[in-house]
Protein backbone atom coordinates (compact mmCIF):
# COMPACT_ATOMS: atom_id res chain seq x y z
CA LYS A 1 22.42 -16.67 -11.89
CA ARG A 2 19.86 -17.99 -14.42
CA PRO A 3 19.81 -20.90 -16.74
CA VAL A 4 20.47 -18.81 -20.28
CA GLY A 5 22.95 -19.85 -22.00
CA ASP A 6 25.74 -18.01 -24.22
CA ALA A 7 24.79 -18.43 -27.38
CA ALA A 8 21.26 -17.06 -26.20
CA LEU A 9 22.29 -13.90 -24.78
CA GLU A 10 24.80 -14.02 -27.92
CA GLN A 11 21.46 -14.22 -30.50
CA ILE A 12 19.65 -10.90 -28.16
CA VAL A 13 21.90 -8.58 -28.74
CA ASN A 14 22.09 -9.69 -32.59
CA LEU A 15 17.97 -9.18 -32.31
CA ILE A 16 19.03 -5.63 -31.09
CA GLU A 17 21.92 -4.65 -33.19
CA GLN A 18 19.17 -5.55 -36.23
CA GLU A 19 16.30 -3.92 -34.77
CA ILE A 20 18.21 -0.63 -34.30
CA GLU A 21 20.23 -0.63 -37.64
CA ALA A 22 16.49 -1.01 -39.02
CA ASP A 23 14.81 1.25 -37.49
CA PHE A 24 17.47 4.26 -36.71
CA GLU A 25 19.27 5.44 -38.85
CA ALA A 26 22.06 7.60 -36.31
CA GLU A 27 22.10 8.35 -33.21
CA VAL A 28 20.35 6.03 -30.88
CA GLU A 29 18.62 6.69 -27.35
CA SER A 30 19.61 4.35 -24.33
CA ARG A 31 15.93 4.28 -23.33
CA HIS A 32 15.33 2.42 -26.58
CA ILE A 33 17.58 -0.28 -26.09
CA GLY A 34 17.01 -1.36 -22.91
CA GLU A 35 13.49 -1.33 -23.53
CA LEU A 36 14.12 -3.31 -26.04
CA ALA A 37 16.81 -5.98 -23.88
CA MET A 38 13.42 -6.04 -21.29
CA GLN A 39 11.31 -6.97 -24.56
CA HIS A 40 13.90 -10.15 -25.27
CA LEU A 41 14.72 -11.33 -22.01
CA ARG A 42 11.18 -11.25 -20.36
CA ALA A 43 10.47 -14.24 -23.58
CA LEU A 44 13.68 -15.54 -22.48
CA ASP A 45 13.45 -16.08 -19.04
CA GLN A 46 10.74 -14.42 -16.66
CA VAL A 47 13.15 -14.00 -13.64
CA ALA A 48 15.82 -13.12 -15.52
CA TYR A 49 13.63 -9.60 -16.72
CA VAL A 50 12.68 -8.81 -13.25
CA ARG A 51 16.20 -9.24 -12.36
CA PHE A 52 17.40 -6.47 -14.74
CA ALA A 53 14.24 -4.75 -15.20
CA SER A 54 14.86 -3.86 -10.92
CA VAL A 55 18.12 -2.50 -11.60
CA TYR A 56 17.34 -0.40 -15.43
CA ARG A 57 13.72 0.96 -13.83
CA ARG A 58 15.92 1.27 -10.25
CA PHE A 59 12.93 -0.58 -7.97
CA GLU A 60 12.90 0.57 -4.81
CA ASP A 61 10.08 -1.86 -2.81
CA ALA A 62 8.46 -4.82 -3.54
CA VAL A 63 5.71 -2.86 -4.97
CA ASP A 64 7.79 -2.01 -7.84
CA PHE A 65 8.30 -5.51 -8.20
CA VAL A 66 4.64 -7.06 -8.24
CA GLU A 67 3.56 -3.95 -10.64
CA GLU A 68 5.96 -5.59 -12.69
CA ILE A 69 5.35 -9.04 -12.88
CA ARG A 70 1.15 -8.61 -12.56
CA PRO A 71 1.08 -8.73 -16.42
CA MET A 72 2.87 -11.02 -16.60
CA LEU A 73 0.50 -13.33 -14.27
CA ARG A 74 -2.22 -12.27 -15.79
CA ARG A 75 -1.21 -13.44 -19.05
CA ASP A 76 -0.75 -16.42 -17.80
CA ASP A 77 -3.59 -17.11 -16.11
CA GLU A 78 -5.17 -16.35 -19.84
CA LEU A 79 -2.97 -19.36 -21.80
CA ARG A 80 -3.78 -21.47 -18.68
CA LEU A 81 -6.26 -24.26 -20.33
CA PRO A 82 -8.91 -25.15 -18.19
CA LEU A 83 -8.82 -28.63 -16.77
CA ALA A 84 -10.38 -31.18 -17.62
CA PRO A 85 -14.10 -32.13 -16.50
CA LYS A 86 -13.78 -35.34 -13.71
């Protein structure tokens, strides 16, 4: 369980519904809905995202987890500010 409130999850559901209504007139592939869910979860809670992705993408081993996490680690390194000189 993650510390993600019901209101935050409801907001994600609403955003996904709005995106689907804006982008599609008829049927929507479940793959597209899953990708949208992962996109929003990643922004909300990275651990919840990885847990969802591991089931959605059927991770087989630790390598799958590392491959999913690696881009997030790189991005975090880029966002980190250098330490002030002493």
